[in-house]
Amino acid sequence: MNLVDDQSNSTNATLLNETESHKISAHSGEILNTEQVPVRFNETWFSYNSEPVVRDINFSITQGEFAAILGPNGSGKTTLMKLALGLLKPTSGQVLLFGEPAESFTDWHRVGYVPQRTQATESRFPASVREIVNFGSYSGFSPLAIFRRGRTSQVDDALEMAGITNLADRRVSDLSVGQQQRMLIARSLVRRPDLLVLDEPVAGVDAAGEEQFHTMVRRLNRDLGITIVMVSHDIGAVMREATTCACINRDIVFHGPVHQLDAQALSGLYGFPVDVLLHDPEHTHR
C-alpha cells in the first residue's frame, strides 16, 4: 500500500497535507514527487443530488503498477474512474493526474482510456481496423498534418503492441468481441500513453479472447512499463494479473498488494461470505 512520507509527523495537519501533496512512497520505499504518481485520490468525495457515491477515498496508483478496481455493481467504480479522468469534478477533496488536478489536466497524450464496450457504433462503422486505430493519433486539425508521415509507424506500433497486426485491413464488423477490444486498446496506444485506464474491458469476451487480452495487458505493463488501471468484476483475473487492488463499495474496503486480499476483505466488499481458493506460489486457500 502506498504510504504518505512520515517525515512530517511532528508538524500540524496543514503541513501534513502540504507534504502529502509533494511526496508519496512507492512500494520500494522510494519517495516520489507527485508528478511521478499517475493517479492520486486525496480525501475524494462525489455525490449525486447530495447522495454520496464515493466517500473519503485516499490512495495512490504509482508508476508501473497494474492496479485493479474491484467492487459490486453500483459501488462507485466507474465514478472513481471518471473522477480520475477529469470527466467528473469531486464534490470535495482532490484527484491528481501526474500531480495536476484531473479536471484541469491537459497533457492527455499521457493517458489512454478504453471505456466499457457497447454494441453500438464501432462494429457498424464501415472502416478497417487500421483506420479506427489511426483515430487515436488525432489531436485537432493542423494544416501541416499531411506532412506528418510518422503517424503510420505509430499506428503500426500500436497494432503490434495489441497483437492485431494481422487484422489491420479487416473490417471492424468482421471482428470478434475480443478482437474489437484489442483494437480499441491499440487506438489508445497510438500516442504512447504512460497510463492506460480500462473500464471492464473483457465484458462479453469469450474465454479464448479473454486469455489473449490478459496476455496483451500483461506485456504492456511488465515489458513496456505502462501503468495499468483496470475496473473489473473478475476476482480471479484480478488476483492473477494485478499487482495492487482497491476494493470499493462507496468507501475503500481494501487497498494493497493483491496477495494480501483475503476472504475477510472480499466478504466485507460484497456483504456475504466469500472464500478464496487459489493455487499459485503467493496464494493459499484462505
Protein backbone atom coordinates (compact mmCIF):
# COMPACT_ATOMS: atom_id res chain seq x y z
CA MET A 1 0.00 0.00 0.00
CA ASN A 2 1.26 3.49 -0.81
CA LEU A 3 2.03 5.44 2.33
CA VAL A 4 2.47 9.14 2.92
CA ASP A 5 6.05 10.00 3.87
CA ASP A 6 6.12 10.13 7.69
CA GLN A 7 8.76 12.82 7.98
CA SER A 8 6.06 15.40 8.73
CA ASN A 9 4.51 13.56 11.67
CA SER A 10 5.63 16.24 14.06
CA THR A 11 4.02 19.05 12.08
CA ASN A 12 0.42 20.21 12.12
CA ALA A 13 -2.31 18.92 9.78
CA THR A 14 -1.82 21.74 7.30
CA LEU A 15 1.82 20.90 6.82
CA LEU A 16 0.98 17.20 6.60
CA ASN A 17 -1.38 17.89 3.70
CA GLU A 18 1.29 20.01 2.03
CA THR A 19 3.88 17.25 2.42
CA GLU A 20 1.40 14.66 1.15
CA SER A 21 0.81 16.71 -1.99
CA HIS A 22 4.52 16.61 -2.82
CA LYS A 23 5.86 13.25 -1.65
CA ILE A 24 4.40 9.75 -1.77
CA SER A 25 6.20 6.49 -1.04
CA ALA A 26 6.47 3.82 -3.71
CA HIS A 27 6.36 0.11 -2.78
CA SER A 28 10.15 0.07 -2.77
CA GLY A 29 10.23 2.82 -0.15
CA GLU A 30 11.46 5.37 -2.69
CA ILE A 31 9.97 8.83 -2.17
CA LEU A 32 8.21 10.05 -5.31
CA ASN A 33 7.23 13.56 -6.34
CA THR A 34 3.55 13.86 -7.22
CA GLU A 35 4.29 14.37 -10.92
CA GLN A 36 5.72 10.83 -10.89
CA VAL A 37 2.45 9.44 -9.48
CA PRO A 38 -0.11 8.74 -12.25
CA VAL A 39 -3.22 8.88 -10.03
CA ARG A 40 -3.76 10.21 -6.51
CA PHE A 41 -7.10 10.33 -4.68
CA ASN A 42 -6.93 12.70 -1.71
CA GLU A 43 -10.00 12.72 0.60
CA THR A 44 -12.16 12.43 -2.52
CA TRP A 45 -15.96 12.58 -2.26
CA PHE A 46 -18.53 12.66 -5.04
CA SER A 47 -22.30 12.94 -4.64
CA TYR A 48 -25.33 12.91 -6.92
CA ASN A 49 -28.13 15.06 -5.50
CA SER A 50 -26.42 15.08 -2.08
CA GLU A 51 -26.23 11.25 -2.06
CA PRO A 52 -22.57 10.13 -1.75
CA VAL A 53 -21.43 7.77 -4.49
CA VAL A 54 -17.81 7.58 -3.29
CA ARG A 55 -16.73 8.71 0.17
CA ASP A 56 -13.37 9.83 1.54
CA ILE A 57 -11.22 7.95 -0.98
CA ASN A 58 -7.49 8.05 -0.21
CA PHE A 59 -4.98 6.04 -2.24
CA SER A 60 -2.39 6.37 -4.96
CA ILE A 61 -1.54 4.39 -8.08
CA THR A 62 2.21 4.60 -8.57
CA GLN A 63 4.27 4.41 -11.72
CA GLY A 64 4.44 0.93 -13.28
CA GLU A 65 1.65 -0.60 -11.19
CA PHE A 66 -1.09 -2.84 -12.51
CA ALA A 67 -3.91 -1.66 -10.28
CA ALA A 68 -7.34 -3.29 -10.27
CA ILE A 69 -10.51 -1.55 -9.03
CA LEU A 70 -12.90 -4.18 -7.72
CA GLY A 71 -16.45 -3.91 -6.40
CA PRO A 72 -20.10 -4.90 -6.90
CA ASN A 73 -22.49 -3.12 -9.27
CA GLY A 74 -23.29 0.39 -8.08
CA SER A 75 -20.27 0.52 -5.79
CA GLY A 76 -18.76 3.63 -7.41
CA LYS A 77 -16.03 2.01 -9.53
CA THR A 78 -16.89 3.77 -12.79
CA THR A 79 -17.48 7.05 -10.94
CA LEU A 80 -14.00 6.73 -9.48
CA MET A 81 -12.53 6.34 -12.98
CA LYS A 82 -14.49 9.32 -14.30
CA LEU A 83 -13.09 11.38 -11.45
CA ALA A 84 -9.57 10.17 -12.30
CA LEU A 85 -10.06 11.18 -15.94
CA GLY A 86 -11.45 14.62 -15.11
CA LEU A 87 -14.89 13.74 -16.50
CA LEU A 88 -16.37 14.49 -13.09
CA LYS A 89 -15.21 17.03 -10.51
CA PRO A 90 -15.06 15.91 -6.86
CA THR A 91 -17.73 17.26 -4.56
CA SER A 92 -14.87 17.66 -2.10
CA GLY A 93 -11.26 16.56 -1.91
CA GLN A 94 -8.93 16.22 -4.86
CA VAL A 95 -7.90 13.87 -7.66
CA LEU A 96 -4.46 14.36 -9.19
CA LEU A 97 -3.20 13.11 -12.55
CA PHE A 98 0.59 13.25 -12.68
CA GLY A 99 0.47 15.93 -9.98
CA GLU A 100 -2.18 18.10 -11.66
CA PRO A 101 -5.89 18.38 -10.71
CA ALA A 102 -7.66 15.93 -13.02
CA GLU A 103 -10.37 18.41 -14.03
CA SER A 104 -7.74 20.87 -15.34
CA PHE A 105 -5.24 18.32 -16.69
CA THR A 106 -4.23 18.98 -20.31
CA ASP A 107 -1.40 16.55 -21.08
CA TRP A 108 -3.81 13.92 -22.38
CA HIS A 109 -1.35 12.16 -24.68
CA ARG A 110 -0.02 10.60 -21.44
CA VAL A 111 -3.36 8.89 -20.73
CA GLY A 112 -5.13 6.17 -22.72
CA TYR A 113 -8.73 5.23 -21.95
CA VAL A 114 -10.77 2.24 -23.07
CA PRO A 115 -14.41 2.55 -21.90
CA GLN A 116 -16.87 -0.26 -21.39
CA ARG A 117 -17.57 -1.76 -24.79
CA THR A 118 -21.04 -1.30 -26.26
CA GLN A 119 -22.64 -2.98 -29.24
CA ALA A 120 -23.20 0.40 -30.86
CA THR A 121 -21.20 2.25 -33.46
CA GLU A 122 -17.81 0.54 -33.61
CA SER A 123 -18.99 -2.72 -35.17
CA ARG A 124 -21.29 -1.00 -37.67
CA PHE A 125 -18.85 1.66 -38.79
CA PRO A 126 -17.64 0.90 -42.36
CA ALA A 127 -13.92 1.16 -41.61
CA SER A 128 -10.90 -1.06 -41.28
CA VAL A 129 -9.07 -1.79 -38.06
CA ARG A 130 -6.17 0.39 -39.19
CA GLU A 131 -8.49 3.33 -39.82
CA ILE A 132 -10.10 3.03 -36.38
CA VAL A 133 -6.70 2.75 -34.67
CA ASN A 134 -5.47 5.78 -36.60
CA PHE A 135 -8.21 7.87 -34.96
CA GLY A 136 -6.12 7.62 -31.81
CA SER A 137 -3.47 9.86 -33.34
CA TYR A 138 -5.92 12.72 -33.91
CA SER A 139 -5.14 15.79 -31.78
CA GLY A 140 -7.01 18.51 -33.62
CA PHE A 141 -6.85 19.98 -37.11
CA SER A 142 -3.48 21.13 -38.39
CA PRO A 143 -2.70 22.38 -41.92
CA LEU A 144 0.66 20.60 -41.61
CA ALA A 145 -0.87 17.23 -40.78
CA ILE A 146 -0.37 16.00 -44.33
CA PHE A 147 3.40 16.16 -43.81
CA ARG A 148 3.38 14.04 -40.65
CA ARG A 149 4.39 10.69 -42.07
CA GLY A 150 5.42 9.39 -38.63
CA ARG A 151 1.84 8.60 -37.75
CA THR A 152 1.88 5.48 -39.93
CA SER A 153 4.67 3.94 -37.86
CA GLN A 154 2.88 4.89 -34.64
CA VAL A 155 -0.26 3.10 -35.82
CA ASP A 156 1.79 0.05 -36.85
CA ASP A 157 3.49 0.01 -33.44
CA ALA A 158 0.13 0.23 -31.66
CA LEU A 159 -1.27 -2.64 -33.75
CA GLU A 160 1.80 -4.72 -32.86
CA MET A 161 1.56 -3.91 -29.14
CA ALA A 162 -2.08 -5.00 -29.15
CA GLY A 163 -1.24 -8.16 -31.09
CA ILE A 164 -3.54 -7.40 -34.01
CA THR A 165 -1.16 -6.55 -36.86
CA ASN A 166 -2.71 -9.41 -38.84
CA LEU A 167 -6.14 -7.74 -38.51
CA ALA A 168 -5.08 -4.30 -39.79
CA ASP A 169 -7.04 -4.48 -43.04
CA ARG A 170 -10.07 -6.33 -41.70
CA ARG A 171 -13.43 -4.61 -41.42
CA VAL A 172 -14.49 -3.87 -37.87
CA SER A 173 -17.77 -5.71 -38.48
CA ASP A 174 -15.80 -8.93 -39.11
CA LEU A 175 -14.09 -8.92 -35.70
CA SER A 176 -14.98 -10.90 -32.61
CA VAL A 177 -15.77 -9.04 -29.39
CA GLY A 178 -12.28 -9.77 -28.04
CA GLN A 179 -10.63 -8.54 -31.24
CA GLN A 180 -12.68 -5.35 -31.11
CA GLN A 181 -11.49 -4.74 -27.55
CA ARG A 182 -7.86 -5.14 -28.58
CA MET A 183 -8.50 -2.76 -31.47
CA LEU A 184 -9.79 -0.14 -29.01
CA ILE A 185 -6.71 -0.64 -26.86
CA ALA A 186 -4.48 -0.23 -29.93
CA ARG A 187 -6.29 3.04 -30.64
CA SER A 188 -5.50 4.23 -27.12
CA LEU A 189 -1.82 3.26 -27.52
CA VAL A 190 -1.07 5.30 -30.65
CA ARG A 191 0.06 8.32 -28.63
CA ARG A 192 2.24 6.20 -26.33
CA PRO A 193 0.47 6.82 -23.00
CA ASP A 194 2.15 6.42 -19.61
CA LEU A 195 -1.20 5.44 -18.06
CA LEU A 196 -3.85 3.13 -19.53
CA VAL A 197 -7.33 3.05 -17.93
CA LEU A 198 -9.58 0.09 -18.78
CA ASP A 199 -13.23 0.03 -17.68
CA GLU A 200 -14.45 -3.60 -17.54
CA PRO A 201 -12.60 -4.43 -20.75
CA VAL A 202 -13.47 -8.14 -21.03
CA ALA A 203 -17.24 -7.86 -20.65
CA GLY A 204 -18.75 -10.11 -23.31
CA VAL A 205 -15.39 -11.57 -24.37
CA ASP A 206 -15.17 -15.37 -24.65
CA ALA A 207 -12.61 -17.40 -22.68
CA ALA A 208 -10.05 -17.58 -25.50
CA GLY A 209 -10.32 -13.85 -26.21
CA GLU A 210 -10.06 -13.08 -22.51
CA GLU A 211 -6.80 -15.02 -22.22
CA GLN A 212 -5.37 -13.20 -25.25
CA PHE A 213 -6.47 -9.91 -23.75
CA HIS A 214 -4.78 -10.55 -20.40
CA THR A 215 -1.58 -11.69 -22.14
CA MET A 216 -1.51 -8.43 -24.06
CA VAL A 217 -2.16 -6.23 -20.99
CA ARG A 218 0.47 -8.14 -19.00
CA ARG A 219 3.03 -7.36 -21.71
CA LEU A 220 2.07 -3.66 -21.80
CA ASN A 221 2.61 -3.45 -18.06
CA ARG A 222 5.62 -5.69 -17.47
CA ASP A 223 7.60 -5.24 -20.69
CA LEU A 224 6.70 -1.68 -21.69
CA GLY A 225 6.22 -0.20 -18.21
CA ILE A 226 2.76 1.28 -18.86
CA THR A 227 0.79 1.89 -15.66
CA ILE A 228 -2.49 -0.03 -15.89
CA VAL A 229 -5.73 0.74 -14.04
CA MET A 230 -8.47 -1.80 -14.71
CA VAL A 231 -12.02 -1.79 -13.39
CA SER A 232 -13.17 -5.39 -13.12
CA HIS A 233 -15.76 -7.79 -11.73
CA ASP A 234 -13.46 -10.78 -12.25
CA ILE A 235 -11.82 -11.57 -8.90
CA GLY A 236 -9.83 -14.46 -10.36
CA ALA A 237 -8.30 -12.35 -13.14
CA VAL A 238 -7.53 -9.53 -10.71
CA MET A 239 -5.69 -11.85 -8.35
CA ARG A 240 -3.76 -13.43 -11.24
CA GLU A 241 -2.77 -10.32 -13.14
CA ALA A 242 -2.79 -7.20 -10.96
CA THR A 243 -0.06 -6.08 -8.57
CA THR A 244 -2.34 -3.97 -6.34
CA CYS A 245 -6.07 -3.83 -5.77
CA ALA A 246 -8.51 -1.24 -4.46
CA CYS A 247 -11.85 -2.71 -3.34
CA ILE A 248 -14.57 -0.09 -3.25
CA ASN A 249 -18.15 -0.06 -2.08
CA ARG A 250 -18.59 3.70 -1.77
CA ASP A 251 -15.77 3.57 0.78
CA ILE A 252 -12.43 1.84 0.34
CA VAL A 253 -12.82 -1.62 1.86
CA PHE A 254 -9.29 -2.75 0.99
CA HIS A 255 -6.25 -1.31 -0.73
CA GLY A 256 -2.91 -3.05 -1.02
CA PRO A 257 -0.94 -5.82 -2.74
CA VAL A 258 -3.19 -8.39 -4.36
CA HIS A 259 -1.66 -11.29 -2.44
CA GLN A 260 -2.99 -9.68 0.77
CA LEU A 261 -6.57 -9.67 -0.50
CA ASP A 262 -8.32 -12.34 1.55
CA ALA A 263 -11.79 -13.75 2.22
CA GLN A 264 -12.47 -11.27 5.03
CA ALA A 265 -11.86 -8.27 2.76
CA LEU A 266 -13.97 -9.76 -0.05
CA SER A 267 -16.79 -10.62 2.34
CA GLY A 268 -16.79 -7.02 3.55
CA LEU A 269 -16.83 -5.82 -0.04
CA TYR A 270 -19.76 -7.94 -1.25
CA GLY A 271 -21.70 -8.23 2.01
CA PHE A 272 -21.79 -12.03 2.11
CA PRO A 273 -19.24 -14.78 2.89
CA VAL A 274 -16.61 -15.26 0.19
CA ASP A 275 -13.98 -18.00 0.14
CA VAL A 276 -10.71 -17.59 -1.75
CA LEU A 277 -9.14 -20.65 -3.34
CA LEU A 278 -6.08 -20.04 -5.50
CA HIS A 279 -3.17 -22.26 -6.43
CA ASP A 280 -0.01 -20.25 -7.04
CA PRO A 281 3.20 -19.51 -5.09
CA GLU A 282 1.80 -16.40 -3.35
CA HIS A 283 -1.73 -17.57 -2.53
CA THR A 284 -3.16 -20.34 -0.42
CA HIS A 285 -6.66 -21.40 0.49
CA ARG A 286 -7.89 -18.51 2.68
